[in-house]
Amino acid sequence: MSILNTYLNSYMIIFIFLLLGILLPVVALTAGRLLRPHAPSTAKQTTYESGIEPFHEARVQFNVRYYIFALMFVIFDVETVFLYPWAVAYDSLGLFALIEMLIFVFMLLVGLTYAWKKKVLKWN
């Protein structure tokens, strides 16, 4: 019977965390909505540009290439972070880890080559 209680207690803890994870943001957002001052005006709804009257629309369209270029940078930057722990522990990992890392770097190079061929890395 104690194994069943331990089992049910484990799920009870998960249920409590799930309930708190849902309840806390809902309560916080609702309280914020009820307690905030609400006095809309046309001056408050204009775009603020350092105290200067807005002279054009604030929404500027960017070329999607900049976004893709930034994503490629983030992807390859994060992947290089994965190389650091491997390099630190290289002596104790052995040949298997070397082969795994070579496969990993090869896959990165394939992705980079694909992006290069699709001209994703072209800035203009």
PDB file of N, CA and C in Angstrom:
ATOM      1  N   MET A   1       0.818  -1.201   0.000  1.00  0.00           N
ATOM      2  CA  MET A   1       0.000   0.000   0.000  1.00  0.00           C
ATOM      3  C   MET A   1       0.864   1.268   0.000  1.00  0.00           C
ATOM      4  N   SER A   2       2.074   1.204   0.597  1.00  0.00           N
ATOM      5  CA  SER A   2       2.914   2.400   0.646  1.00  0.00           C
ATOM      6  C   SER A   2       3.467   2.742  -0.737  1.00  0.00           C
ATOM      7  N   ILE A   3       3.670   1.721  -1.586  1.00  0.00           N
ATOM      8  CA  ILE A   3       4.137   1.983  -2.954  1.00  0.00           C
ATOM      9  C   ILE A   3       3.069   2.743  -3.730  1.00  0.00           C
ATOM     10  N   LEU A   4       1.803   2.379  -3.523  1.00  0.00           N
ATOM     11  CA  LEU A   4       0.694   3.069  -4.190  1.00  0.00           C
ATOM     12  C   LEU A   4       0.610   4.518  -3.714  1.00  0.00           C
ATOM     13  N   ASN A   5       0.799   4.748  -2.408  1.00  0.00           N
ATOM     14  CA  ASN A   5       0.772   6.119  -1.888  1.00  0.00           C
ATOM     15  C   ASN A   5       1.914   6.948  -2.443  1.00  0.00           C
ATOM     16  N   THR A   6       3.084   6.366  -2.542  1.00  0.00           N
ATOM     17  CA  THR A   6       4.237   7.065  -3.113  1.00  0.00           C
ATOM     18  C   THR A   6       3.976   7.397  -4.574  1.00  0.00           C
ATOM     19  N   TYR A   7       3.412   6.463  -5.295  1.00  0.00           N
ATOM     20  CA  TYR A   7       3.085   6.651  -6.706  1.00  0.00           C
ATOM     21  C   TYR A   7       2.076   7.789  -6.874  1.00  0.00           C
ATOM     22  N   LEU A   8       1.018   7.761  -6.054  1.00  0.00           N
ATOM     23  CA  LEU A   8      -0.008   8.801  -6.155  1.00  0.00           C
ATOM     24  C   LEU A   8       0.529  10.157  -5.688  1.00  0.00           C
ATOM     25  N   ASN A   9       1.404  10.167  -4.679  1.00  0.00           N
ATOM     26  CA  ASN A   9       1.994  11.422  -4.223  1.00  0.00           C
ATOM     27  C   ASN A   9       2.864  12.050  -5.312  1.00  0.00           C
ATOM     28  N   SER A  10       3.549  11.228  -6.086  1.00  0.00           N
ATOM     29  CA  SER A  10       4.361  11.761  -7.178  1.00  0.00           C
ATOM     30  C   SER A  10       3.487  12.471  -8.194  1.00  0.00           C
ATOM     31  N   TYR A  11       2.368  11.866  -8.543  1.00  0.00           N
ATOM     32  CA  TYR A  11       1.461  12.498  -9.494  1.00  0.00           C
ATOM     33  C   TYR A  11       0.750  13.696  -8.886  1.00  0.00           C
ATOM     34  N   MET A  12       0.540  13.680  -7.584  1.00  0.00           N
ATOM     35  CA  MET A  12      -0.089  14.823  -6.927  1.00  0.00           C
ATOM     36  C   MET A  12       0.834  16.039  -6.991  1.00  0.00           C
ATOM     37  N   ILE A  13       2.126  15.829  -6.821  1.00  0.00           N
ATOM     38  CA  ILE A  13       3.084  16.937  -6.915  1.00  0.00           C
ATOM     39  C   ILE A  13       3.099  17.508  -8.329  1.00  0.00           C
ATOM     40  N   ILE A  14       3.084  16.636  -9.320  1.00  0.00           N
ATOM     41  CA  ILE A  14       3.048  17.100 -10.710  1.00  0.00           C
ATOM     42  C   ILE A  14       1.765  17.880 -10.972  1.00  0.00           C
ATOM     43  N   PHE A  15       0.646  17.392 -10.460  1.00  0.00           N
ATOM     44  CA  PHE A  15      -0.630  18.075 -10.645  1.00  0.00           C
ATOM     45  C   PHE A  15      -0.624  19.444  -9.973  1.00  0.00           C
ATOM     46  N   ILE A  16      -0.048  19.538  -8.787  1.00  0.00           N
ATOM     47  CA  ILE A  16       0.015  20.826  -8.076  1.00  0.00           C
ATOM     48  C   ILE A  16       0.878  21.818  -8.854  1.00  0.00           C
ATOM     49  N   PHE A  17       2.042  21.375  -9.361  1.00  0.00           N
ATOM     50  CA  PHE A  17       2.891  22.260 -10.159  1.00  0.00           C
ATOM     51  C   PHE A  17       2.194  22.693 -11.444  1.00  0.00           C
ATOM     52  N   LEU A  18       1.486  21.781 -12.077  1.00  0.00           N
ATOM     53  CA  LEU A  18       0.743  22.124 -13.285  1.00  0.00           C
ATOM     54  C   LEU A  18      -0.340  23.148 -12.977  1.00  0.00           C
ATOM     55  N   LEU A  19      -1.055  22.939 -11.893  1.00  0.00           N
ATOM     56  CA  LEU A  19      -2.106  23.856 -11.485  1.00  0.00           C
ATOM     57  C   LEU A  19      -1.528  25.234 -11.163  1.00  0.00           C
ATOM     58  N   LEU A  20      -0.416  25.269 -10.429  1.00  0.00           N
ATOM     59  CA  LEU A  20       0.223  26.546 -10.119  1.00  0.00           C
ATOM     60  C   LEU A  20       0.769  27.222 -11.373  1.00  0.00           C
ATOM     61  N   GLY A  21       1.301  26.437 -12.298  1.00  0.00           N
ATOM     62  CA  GLY A  21       1.829  26.988 -13.540  1.00  0.00           C
ATOM     63  C   GLY A  21       0.751  27.621 -14.398  1.00  0.00           C
ATOM     64  N   ILE A  22      -0.452  27.158 -14.276  1.00  0.00           N
ATOM     65  CA  ILE A  22      -1.571  27.745 -15.015  1.00  0.00           C
ATOM     66  C   ILE A  22      -2.216  28.865 -14.220  1.00  0.00           C
ATOM     67  N   LEU A  23      -2.384  28.652 -12.929  1.00  0.00           N
ATOM     68  CA  LEU A  23      -3.127  29.583 -12.086  1.00  0.00           C
ATOM     69  C   LEU A  23      -2.372  30.886 -11.833  1.00  0.00           C
ATOM     70  N   LEU A  24      -1.067  30.828 -11.561  1.00  0.00           N
ATOM     71  CA  LEU A  24      -0.316  32.043 -11.237  1.00  0.00           C
ATOM     72  C   LEU A  24      -0.312  33.068 -12.368  1.00  0.00           C
ATOM     73  N   PRO A  25      -0.029  32.698 -13.615  1.00  0.00           N
ATOM     74  CA  PRO A  25      -0.087  33.716 -14.678  1.00  0.00           C
ATOM     75  C   PRO A  25      -1.488  34.267 -14.894  1.00  0.00           C
ATOM     76  N   VAL A  26      -2.499  33.416 -14.788  1.00  0.00           N
ATOM     77  CA  VAL A  26      -3.874  33.888 -14.978  1.00  0.00           C
ATOM     78  C   VAL A  26      -4.240  34.887 -13.892  1.00  0.00           C
ATOM     79  N   VAL A  27      -3.907  34.580 -12.644  1.00  0.00           N
ATOM     80  CA  VAL A  27      -4.204  35.492 -11.541  1.00  0.00           C
ATOM     81  C   VAL A  27      -3.418  36.789 -11.699  1.00  0.00           C
ATOM     82  N   ALA A  28      -2.144  36.706 -12.046  1.00  0.00           N
ATOM     83  CA  ALA A  28      -1.319  37.906 -12.195  1.00  0.00           C
ATOM     84  C   ALA A  28      -1.828  38.799 -13.321  1.00  0.00           C
ATOM     85  N   LEU A  29      -2.179  38.216 -14.447  1.00  0.00           N
ATOM     86  CA  LEU A  29      -2.673  39.015 -15.570  1.00  0.00           C
ATOM     87  C   LEU A  29      -4.042  39.615 -15.269  1.00  0.00           C
ATOM     88  N   THR A  30      -4.886  38.856 -14.594  1.00  0.00           N
ATOM     89  CA  THR A  30      -6.208  39.375 -14.226  1.00  0.00           C
ATOM     90  C   THR A  30      -6.077  40.506 -13.220  1.00  0.00           C
ATOM     91  N   ALA A  31      -5.232  40.348 -12.218  1.00  0.00           N
ATOM     92  CA  ALA A  31      -5.021  41.409 -11.228  1.00  0.00           C
ATOM     93  C   ALA A  31      -4.451  42.659 -11.892  1.00  0.00           C
ATOM     94  N   GLY A  32      -3.519  42.476 -12.801  1.00  0.00           N
ATOM     95  CA  GLY A  32      -2.959  43.617 -13.517  1.00  0.00           C
ATOM     96  C   GLY A  32      -4.006  44.334 -14.343  1.00  0.00           C
ATOM     97  N   ARG A  33      -4.888  43.587 -14.952  1.00  0.00           N
ATOM     98  CA  ARG A  33      -5.954  44.187 -15.763  1.00  0.00           C
ATOM     99  C   ARG A  33      -6.938  44.967 -14.902  1.00  0.00           C
ATOM    100  N   LEU A  34      -7.231  44.450 -13.703  1.00  0.00           N
ATOM    101  CA  LEU A  34      -8.184  45.118 -12.821  1.00  0.00           C
ATOM    102  C   LEU A  34      -7.573  46.334 -12.119  1.00  0.00           C
ATOM    103  N   LEU A  35      -6.286  46.307 -11.825  1.00  0.00           N
ATOM    104  CA  LEU A  35      -5.665  47.365 -11.037  1.00  0.00           C
ATOM    105  C   LEU A  35      -5.040  48.488 -11.854  1.00  0.00           C
ATOM    106  N   ARG A  36      -4.824  48.284 -13.127  1.00  0.00           N
ATOM    107  CA  ARG A  36      -4.161  49.309 -13.917  1.00  0.00           C
ATOM    108  C   ARG A  36      -5.093  50.477 -14.213  1.00  0.00           C
ATOM    109  N   PRO A  37      -4.530  51.664 -14.366  1.00  0.00           N
ATOM    110  CA  PRO A  37      -5.367  52.791 -14.783  1.00  0.00           C
ATOM    111  C   PRO A  37      -5.702  52.653 -16.268  1.00  0.00           C
ATOM    112  N   HIS A  38      -6.920  53.002 -16.596  1.00  0.00           N
ATOM    113  CA  HIS A  38      -7.358  52.851 -17.985  1.00  0.00           C
ATOM    114  C   HIS A  38      -8.005  54.152 -18.425  1.00  0.00           C
ATOM    115  N   ALA A  39      -7.236  54.982 -19.124  1.00  0.00           N
ATOM    116  CA  ALA A  39      -7.752  56.245 -19.639  1.00  0.00           C
ATOM    117  C   ALA A  39      -7.187  56.449 -21.042  1.00  0.00           C
ATOM    118  N   PRO A  40      -7.769  55.760 -22.037  1.00  0.00           N
ATOM    119  CA  PRO A  40      -7.224  55.887 -23.395  1.00  0.00           C
ATOM    120  C   PRO A  40      -7.491  57.271 -23.982  1.00  0.00           C
ATOM    121  N   SER A  41      -6.545  57.745 -24.749  1.00  0.00           N
ATOM    122  CA  SER A  41      -6.710  58.998 -25.484  1.00  0.00           C
ATOM    123  C   SER A  41      -5.934  58.879 -26.790  1.00  0.00           C
ATOM    124  N   THR A  42      -6.182  59.793 -27.689  1.00  0.00           N
ATOM    125  CA  THR A  42      -5.489  59.715 -28.978  1.00  0.00           C
ATOM    126  C   THR A  42      -4.002  59.995 -28.821  1.00  0.00           C
ATOM    127  N   ALA A  43      -3.639  60.829 -27.847  1.00  0.00           N
ATOM    128  CA  ALA A  43      -2.227  61.122 -27.628  1.00  0.00           C
ATOM    129  C   ALA A  43      -1.483  59.890 -27.122  1.00  0.00           C
ATOM    130  N   LYS A  44      -2.138  59.077 -26.303  1.00  0.00           N
ATOM    131  CA  LYS A  44      -1.495  57.879 -25.781  1.00  0.00           C
ATOM    132  C   LYS A  44      -1.368  56.780 -26.833  1.00  0.00           C
ATOM    133  N   GLN A  45      -2.183  56.841 -27.844  1.00  0.00           N
ATOM    134  CA  GLN A  45      -2.166  55.797 -28.858  1.00  0.00           C
ATOM    135  C   GLN A  45      -1.243  56.126 -30.034  1.00  0.00           C
ATOM    136  N   THR A  46      -0.611  57.298 -30.013  1.00  0.00           N
ATOM    137  CA  THR A  46       0.339  57.621 -31.082  1.00  0.00           C
ATOM    138  C   THR A  46       1.683  56.977 -30.785  1.00  0.00           C
ATOM    139  N   THR A  47       2.493  56.864 -31.808  1.00  0.00           N
ATOM    140  CA  THR A  47       3.822  56.292 -31.664  1.00  0.00           C
ATOM    141  C   THR A  47       4.736  57.329 -31.054  1.00  0.00           C
ATOM    142  N   TYR A  48       5.493  56.926 -30.039  1.00  0.00           N
ATOM    143  CA  TYR A  48       6.423  57.851 -29.375  1.00  0.00           C
ATOM    144  C   TYR A  48       7.791  57.723 -30.024  1.00  0.00           C
ATOM    145  N   GLU A  49       8.299  58.844 -30.530  1.00  0.00           N
ATOM    146  CA  GLU A  49       9.611  58.855 -31.163  1.00  0.00           C
ATOM    147  C   GLU A  49      10.467  59.934 -30.524  1.00  0.00           C
ATOM    148  N   SER A  50      10.935  59.704 -29.316  1.00  0.00           N
ATOM    149  CA  SER A  50      11.841  60.597 -28.598  1.00  0.00           C
ATOM    150  C   SER A  50      11.267  62.003 -28.439  1.00  0.00           C
ATOM    151  N   GLY A  51      10.003  62.115 -28.241  1.00  0.00           N
ATOM    152  CA  GLY A  51       9.387  63.407 -28.020  1.00  0.00           C
ATOM    153  C   GLY A  51       9.058  64.171 -29.278  1.00  0.00           C
ATOM    154  N   ILE A  52       9.410  63.624 -30.431  1.00  0.00           N
ATOM    155  CA  ILE A  52       9.142  64.277 -31.705  1.00  0.00           C
ATOM    156  C   ILE A  52       7.817  63.761 -32.242  1.00  0.00           C
ATOM    157  N   GLU A  53       7.062  64.646 -32.848  1.00  0.00           N
ATOM    158  CA  GLU A  53       5.808  64.225 -33.472  1.00  0.00           C
ATOM    159  C   GLU A  53       6.101  63.190 -34.556  1.00  0.00           C
ATOM    160  N   PRO A  54       5.384  62.089 -34.567  1.00  0.00           N
ATOM    161  CA  PRO A  54       5.630  61.081 -35.615  1.00  0.00           C
ATOM    162  C   PRO A  54       5.293  61.659 -36.991  1.00  0.00           C
ATOM    163  N   PHE A  55       6.194  61.436 -37.937  1.00  0.00           N
ATOM    164  CA  PHE A  55       5.978  61.987 -39.274  1.00  0.00           C
ATOM    165  C   PHE A  55       5.740  60.910 -40.315  1.00  0.00           C
ATOM    166  N   HIS A  56       5.853  59.649 -39.934  1.00  0.00           N
ATOM    167  CA  HIS A  56       5.497  58.557 -40.832  1.00  0.00           C
ATOM    168  C   HIS A  56       5.078  57.371 -39.984  1.00  0.00           C
ATOM    169  N   GLU A  57       4.630  56.331 -40.640  1.00  0.00           N
ATOM    170  CA  GLU A  57       4.175  55.149 -39.908  1.00  0.00           C
ATOM    171  C   GLU A  57       5.365  54.442 -39.251  1.00  0.00           C
ATOM    172  N   ALA A  58       5.159  53.937 -38.050  1.00  0.00           N
ATOM    173  CA  ALA A  58       6.243  53.322 -37.284  1.00  0.00           C
ATOM    174  C   ALA A  58       6.618  51.933 -37.808  1.00  0.00           C
ATOM    175  N   ARG A  59       5.711  51.285 -38.478  1.00  0.00           N
ATOM    176  CA  ARG A  59       5.987  49.932 -38.961  1.00  0.00           C
ATOM    177  C   ARG A  59       6.794  50.001 -40.243  1.00  0.00           C
ATOM    178  N   VAL A  60       7.989  49.453 -40.183  1.00  0.00           N
ATOM    179  CA  VAL A  60       8.884  49.455 -41.337  1.00  0.00           C
ATOM    180  C   VAL A  60       9.073  48.002 -41.772  1.00  0.00           C
ATOM    181  N   GLN A  61       8.933  47.747 -43.052  1.00  0.00           N
ATOM    182  CA  GLN A  61       9.113  46.394 -43.547  1.00  0.00           C
ATOM    183  C   GLN A  61      10.595  46.135 -43.796  1.00  0.00           C
ATOM    184  N   PHE A  62      11.061  44.979 -43.298  1.00  0.00           N
ATOM    185  CA  PHE A  62      12.432  44.565 -43.507  1.00  0.00           C
ATOM    186  C   PHE A  62      12.464  43.421 -44.507  1.00  0.00           C
ATOM    187  N   ASN A  63      13.566  43.330 -45.180  1.00  0.00           N
ATOM    188  CA  ASN A  63      13.756  42.213 -46.086  1.00  0.00           C
ATOM    189  C   ASN A  63      13.872  40.930 -45.263  1.00  0.00           C
ATOM    190  N   VAL A  64      13.239  39.865 -45.701  1.00  0.00           N
ATOM    191  CA  VAL A  64      13.240  38.615 -44.954  1.00  0.00           C
ATOM    192  C   VAL A  64      14.629  37.993 -44.898  1.00  0.00           C
ATOM    193  N   ARG A  65      15.507  38.398 -45.787  1.00  0.00           N
ATOM    194  CA  ARG A  65      16.882  37.878 -45.775  1.00  0.00           C
ATOM    195  C   ARG A  65      17.607  38.227 -44.481  1.00  0.00           C
ATOM    196  N   TYR A  66      17.341  39.398 -43.905  1.00  0.00           N
ATOM    197  CA  TYR A  66      17.982  39.771 -42.651  1.00  0.00           C
ATOM    198  C   TYR A  66      17.566  38.819 -41.535  1.00  0.00           C
ATOM    199  N   TYR A  67      16.297  38.473 -41.519  1.00  0.00           N
ATOM    200  CA  TYR A  67      15.783  37.554 -40.511  1.00  0.00           C
ATOM    201  C   TYR A  67      16.417  36.171 -40.668  1.00  0.00           C
ATOM    202  N   ILE A  68      16.482  35.681 -41.890  1.00  0.00           N
ATOM    203  CA  ILE A  68      17.064  34.366 -42.143  1.00  0.00           C
ATOM    204  C   ILE A  68      18.555  34.377 -41.818  1.00  0.00           C
ATOM    205  N   PHE A  69      19.228  35.465 -42.149  1.00  0.00           N
ATOM    206  CA  PHE A  69      20.651  35.592 -41.840  1.00  0.00           C
ATOM    207  C   PHE A  69      20.877  35.541 -40.327  1.00  0.00           C
ATOM    208  N   ALA A  70      20.019  36.229 -39.579  1.00  0.00           N
ATOM    209  CA  ALA A  70      20.129  36.217 -38.118  1.00  0.00           C
ATOM    210  C   ALA A  70      19.859  34.826 -37.560  1.00  0.00           C
ATOM    211  N   LEU A  71      18.887  34.127 -38.111  1.00  0.00           N
ATOM    212  CA  LEU A  71      18.610  32.755 -37.661  1.00  0.00           C
ATOM    213  C   LEU A  71      19.785  31.837 -37.947  1.00  0.00           C
ATOM    214  N   MET A  72      20.381  31.988 -39.106  1.00  0.00           N
ATOM    215  CA  MET A  72      21.545  31.168 -39.426  1.00  0.00           C
ATOM    216  C   MET A  72      22.683  31.443 -38.447  1.00  0.00           C
ATOM    217  N   PHE A  73      22.888  32.717 -38.110  1.00  0.00           N
ATOM    218  CA  PHE A  73      23.927  33.055 -37.146  1.00  0.00           C
ATOM    219  C   PHE A  73      23.649  32.402 -35.800  1.00  0.00           C
ATOM    220  N   VAL A  74      22.415  32.494 -35.328  1.00  0.00           N
ATOM    221  CA  VAL A  74      22.069  31.911 -34.026  1.00  0.00           C
ATOM    222  C   VAL A  74      22.266  30.399 -34.048  1.00  0.00           C
ATOM    223  N   ILE A  75      21.842  29.755 -35.116  1.00  0.00           N
ATOM    224  CA  ILE A  75      21.984  28.297 -35.215  1.00  0.00           C
ATOM    225  C   ILE A  75      23.445  27.893 -35.143  1.00  0.00           C
ATOM    226  N   PHE A  76      24.290  28.526 -35.934  1.00  0.00           N
ATOM    227  CA  PHE A  76      25.699  28.138 -35.949  1.00  0.00           C
ATOM    228  C   PHE A  76      26.427  28.594 -34.685  1.00  0.00           C
ATOM    229  N   ASP A  77      25.981  29.673 -34.082  1.00  0.00           N
ATOM    230  CA  ASP A  77      26.578  30.119 -32.835  1.00  0.00           C
ATOM    231  C   ASP A  77      26.276  29.136 -31.708  1.00  0.00           C
ATOM    232  N   VAL A  78      25.050  28.667 -31.644  1.00  0.00           N
ATOM    233  CA  VAL A  78      24.674  27.677 -30.622  1.00  0.00           C
ATOM    234  C   VAL A  78      25.407  26.364 -30.864  1.00  0.00           C
ATOM    235  N   GLU A  79      25.572  25.996 -32.093  1.00  0.00           N
ATOM    236  CA  GLU A  79      26.262  24.743 -32.396  1.00  0.00           C
ATOM    237  C   GLU A  79      27.727  24.807 -31.971  1.00  0.00           C
ATOM    238  N   THR A  80      28.349  25.958 -32.082  1.00  0.00           N
ATOM    239  CA  THR A  80      29.727  26.055 -31.621  1.00  0.00           C
ATOM    240  C   THR A  80      29.814  25.957 -30.106  1.00  0.00           C
ATOM    241  N   VAL A  81      28.771  26.348 -29.405  1.00  0.00           N
ATOM    242  CA  VAL A  81      28.743  26.180 -27.947  1.00  0.00           C
ATOM    243  C   VAL A  81      28.753  24.696 -27.595  1.00  0.00           C
ATOM    244  N   PHE A  82      28.152  23.866 -28.427  1.00  0.00           N
ATOM    245  CA  PHE A  82      28.171  22.416 -28.185  1.00  0.00           C
ATOM    246  C   PHE A  82      29.571  21.829 -28.379  1.00  0.00           C
ATOM    247  N   LEU A  83      30.395  22.483 -29.151  1.00  0.00           N
ATOM    248  CA  LEU A  83      31.748  21.987 -29.374  1.00  0.00           C
ATOM    249  C   LEU A  83      32.665  22.215 -28.168  1.00  0.00           C
ATOM    250  N   TYR A  84      32.393  23.226 -27.355  1.00  0.00           N
ATOM    251  CA  TYR A  84      33.277  23.567 -26.247  1.00  0.00           C
ATOM    252  C   TYR A  84      33.386  22.457 -25.191  1.00  0.00           C
ATOM    253  N   PRO A  85      32.284  21.906 -24.665  1.00  0.00           N
ATOM    254  CA  PRO A  85      32.438  20.836 -23.667  1.00  0.00           C
ATOM    255  C   PRO A  85      33.158  19.613 -24.238  1.00  0.00           C
ATOM    256  N   TRP A  86      32.919  19.341 -25.493  1.00  0.00           N
ATOM    257  CA  TRP A  86      33.589  18.206 -26.126  1.00  0.00           C
ATOM    258  C   TRP A  86      35.097  18.456 -26.174  1.00  0.00           C
ATOM    259  N   ALA A  87      35.491  19.682 -26.511  1.00  0.00           N
ATOM    260  CA  ALA A  87      36.917  19.995 -26.596  1.00  0.00           C
ATOM    261  C   ALA A  87      37.588  19.936 -25.224  1.00  0.00           C
ATOM    262  N   VAL A  88      36.857  20.329 -24.181  1.00  0.00           N
ATOM    263  CA  VAL A  88      37.416  20.292 -22.831  1.00  0.00           C
ATOM    264  C   VAL A  88      37.630  18.855 -22.373  1.00  0.00           C
ATOM    265  N   ALA A  89      36.693  17.965 -22.683  1.00  0.00           N
ATOM    266  CA  ALA A  89      36.763  16.580 -22.212  1.00  0.00           C
ATOM    267  C   ALA A  89      37.274  15.630 -23.286  1.00  0.00           C
ATOM    268  N   TYR A  90      37.968  16.145 -24.280  1.00  0.00           N
ATOM    269  CA  TYR A  90      38.391  15.321 -25.407  1.00  0.00           C
ATOM    270  C   TYR A  90      39.268  14.141 -24.984  1.00  0.00           C
ATOM    271  N   ASP A  91      40.204  14.367 -24.060  1.00  0.00           N
ATOM    272  CA  ASP A  91      41.132  13.300 -23.660  1.00  0.00           C
ATOM    273  C   ASP A  91      40.422  12.100 -23.054  1.00  0.00           C
ATOM    274  N   SER A  92      39.369  12.340 -22.287  1.00  0.00           N
ATOM    275  CA  SER A  92      38.706  11.229 -21.602  1.00  0.00           C
ATOM    276  C   SER A  92      37.600  10.584 -22.438  1.00  0.00           C
ATOM    277  N   LEU A  93      37.218  11.186 -23.547  1.00  0.00           N
ATOM    278  CA  LEU A  93      36.096  10.656 -24.330  1.00  0.00           C
ATOM    279  C   LEU A  93      36.504   9.554 -25.304  1.00  0.00           C
ATOM    280  N   GLY A  94      37.634   9.687 -25.906  1.00  0.00           N
ATOM    281  CA  GLY A  94      38.112   8.628 -26.781  1.00  0.00           C
ATOM    282  C   GLY A  94      37.731   8.796 -28.238  1.00  0.00           C
ATOM    283  N   LEU A  95      37.962   7.714 -28.989  1.00  0.00           N
ATOM    284  CA  LEU A  95      37.775   7.717 -30.439  1.00  0.00           C
ATOM    285  C   LEU A  95      36.298   7.814 -30.833  1.00  0.00           C
ATOM    286  N   PHE A  96      35.417   7.179 -30.066  1.00  0.00           N
ATOM    287  CA  PHE A  96      33.983   7.204 -30.396  1.00  0.00           C
ATOM    288  C   PHE A  96      33.451   8.637 -30.404  1.00  0.00           C
ATOM    289  N   ALA A  97      33.851   9.428 -29.402  1.00  0.00           N
ATOM    290  CA  ALA A  97      33.394  10.819 -29.334  1.00  0.00           C
ATOM    291  C   ALA A  97      33.967  11.637 -30.490  1.00  0.00           C
ATOM    292  N   LEU A  98      35.191  11.331 -30.902  1.00  0.00           N
ATOM    293  CA  LEU A  98      35.785  12.022 -32.042  1.00  0.00           C
ATOM    294  C   LEU A  98      34.976  11.757 -33.309  1.00  0.00           C
ATOM    295  N   ILE A  99      34.602  10.503 -33.521  1.00  0.00           N
ATOM    296  CA  ILE A  99      33.810  10.156 -34.706  1.00  0.00           C
ATOM    297  C   ILE A  99      32.436  10.825 -34.643  1.00  0.00           C
ATOM    298  N   GLU A 100      31.817  10.817 -33.465  1.00  0.00           N
ATOM    299  CA  GLU A 100      30.514  11.474 -33.319  1.00  0.00           C
ATOM    300  C   GLU A 100      30.613  12.962 -33.608  1.00  0.00           C
ATOM    301  N   MET A 101      31.675  13.602 -33.124  1.00  0.00           N
ATOM    302  CA  MET A 101      31.836  15.036 -33.352  1.00  0.00           C
ATOM    303  C   MET A 101      32.126  15.320 -34.819  1.00  0.00           C
ATOM    304  N   LEU A 102      32.868  14.457 -35.483  1.00  0.00           N
ATOM    305  CA  LEU A 102      33.108  14.640 -36.913  1.00  0.00           C
ATOM    306  C   LEU A 102      31.804  14.525 -37.707  1.00  0.00           C
ATOM    307  N   ILE A 103      30.935  13.608 -37.319  1.00  0.00           N
ATOM    308  CA  ILE A 103      29.619  13.499 -37.961  1.00  0.00           C
ATOM    309  C   ILE A 103      28.815  14.775 -37.724  1.00  0.00           C
ATOM    310  N   PHE A 104      28.859  15.279 -36.484  1.00  0.00           N
ATOM    311  CA  PHE A 104      28.144  16.504 -36.134  1.00  0.00           C
ATOM    312  C   PHE A 104      28.645  17.689 -36.963  1.00  0.00           C
ATOM    313  N   VAL A 105      29.951  17.859 -37.052  1.00  0.00           N
ATOM    314  CA  VAL A 105      30.521  18.960 -37.823  1.00  0.00           C
ATOM    315  C   VAL A 105      30.223  18.776 -39.308  1.00  0.00           C
ATOM    316  N   PHE A 106      30.247  17.544 -39.801  1.00  0.00           N
ATOM    317  CA  PHE A 106      29.897  17.286 -41.193  1.00  0.00           C
ATOM    318  C   PHE A 106      28.453  17.713 -41.478  1.00  0.00           C
ATOM    319  N   MET A 107      27.547  17.399 -40.557  1.00  0.00           N
ATOM    320  CA  MET A 107      26.145  17.817 -40.743  1.00  0.00           C
ATOM    321  C   MET A 107      26.019  19.342 -40.747  1.00  0.00           C
ATOM    322  N   LEU A 108      26.800  20.019 -39.904  1.00  0.00           N
ATOM    323  CA  LEU A 108      26.809  21.477 -39.927  1.00  0.00           C
ATOM    324  C   LEU A 108      27.317  22.003 -41.265  1.00  0.00           C
ATOM    325  N   LEU A 109      28.357  21.382 -41.783  1.00  0.00           N
ATOM    326  CA  LEU A 109      28.899  21.811 -43.072  1.00  0.00           C
ATOM    327  C   LEU A 109      27.909  21.569 -44.209  1.00  0.00           C
ATOM    328  N   VAL A 110      27.170  20.484 -44.134  1.00  0.00           N
ATOM    329  CA  VAL A 110      26.135  20.227 -45.143  1.00  0.00           C
ATOM    330  C   VAL A 110      25.070  21.322 -45.085  1.00  0.00           C
ATOM    331  N   GLY A 111      24.654  21.691 -43.882  1.00  0.00           N
ATOM    332  CA  GLY A 111      23.678  22.774 -43.730  1.00  0.00           C
ATOM    333  C   GLY A 111      24.210  24.100 -44.222  1.00  0.00           C
ATOM    334  N   LEU A 112      25.465  24.382 -43.928  1.00  0.00           N
ATOM    335  CA  LEU A 112      26.074  25.624 -44.388  1.00  0.00           C
ATOM    336  C   LEU A 112      26.196  25.642 -45.916  1.00  0.00           C
ATOM    337  N   THR A 113      26.587  24.523 -46.500  1.00  0.00           N
ATOM    338  CA  THR A 113      26.683  24.421 -47.958  1.00  0.00           C
ATOM    339  C   THR A 113      25.314  24.612 -48.609  1.00  0.00           C
ATOM    340  N   TYR A 114      24.295  24.013 -48.030  1.00  0.00           N
ATOM    341  CA  TYR A 114      22.925  24.165 -48.547  1.00  0.00           C
ATOM    342  C   TYR A 114      22.503  25.635 -48.505  1.00  0.00           C
ATOM    343  N   ALA A 115      22.777  26.299 -47.368  1.00  0.00           N
ATOM    344  CA  ALA A 115      22.417  27.711 -47.248  1.00  0.00           C
ATOM    345  C   ALA A 115      23.208  28.553 -48.239  1.00  0.00           C
ATOM    346  N   TRP A 116      24.463  28.202 -48.460  1.00  0.00           N
ATOM    347  CA  TRP A 116      25.299  28.933 -49.404  1.00  0.00           C
ATOM    348  C   TRP A 116      24.767  28.782 -50.828  1.00  0.00           C
ATOM    349  N   LYS A 117      24.369  27.549 -51.200  1.00  0.00           N
ATOM    350  CA  LYS A 117      23.851  27.299 -52.554  1.00  0.00           C
ATOM    351  C   LYS A 117      22.515  28.008 -52.780  1.00  0.00           C
ATOM    352  N   LYS A 118      21.697  28.108 -51.723  1.00  0.00           N
ATOM    353  CA  LYS A 118      20.400  28.788 -51.840  1.00  0.00           C
ATOM    354  C   LYS A 118      20.536  30.308 -51.741  1.00  0.00           C
ATOM    355  N   LYS A 119      21.759  30.793 -51.583  1.00  0.00           N
ATOM    356  CA  LYS A 119      22.091  32.209 -51.484  1.00  0.00           C
ATOM    357  C   LYS A 119      21.399  32.881 -50.295  1.00  0.00           C
ATOM    358  N   VAL A 120      21.282  32.123 -49.202  1.00  0.00           N
ATOM    359  CA  VAL A 120      20.705  32.680 -47.984  1.00  0.00           C
ATOM    360  C   VAL A 120      21.697  33.624 -47.313  1.00  0.00           C
ATOM    361  N   LEU A 121      22.985  33.355 -47.463  1.00  0.00           N
ATOM    362  CA  LEU A 121      24.002  34.140 -46.783  1.00  0.00           C
ATOM    363  C   LEU A 121      24.389  35.404 -47.537  1.00  0.00           C
ATOM    364  N   LYS A 122      23.739  35.656 -48.661  1.00  0.00           N
ATOM    365  CA  LYS A 122      24.003  36.874 -49.421  1.00  0.00           C
ATOM    366  C   LYS A 122      23.281  38.027 -48.732  1.00  0.00           C
ATOM    367  N   TRP A 123      24.004  39.067 -48.370  1.00  0.00           N
ATOM    368  CA  TRP A 123      23.445  40.125 -47.549  1.00  0.00           C
ATOM    369  C   TRP A 123      22.523  41.057 -48.348  1.00  0.00           C
ATOM    370  N   ASN A 124      22.831  41.399 -49.572  1.00  0.00           N
ATOM    371  CA  ASN A 124      22.005  42.366 -50.314  1.00  0.00           C
ATOM    372  C   ASN A 124      21.033  41.696 -51.238  1.00  0.00           C
TER     373      ASN A 124
END
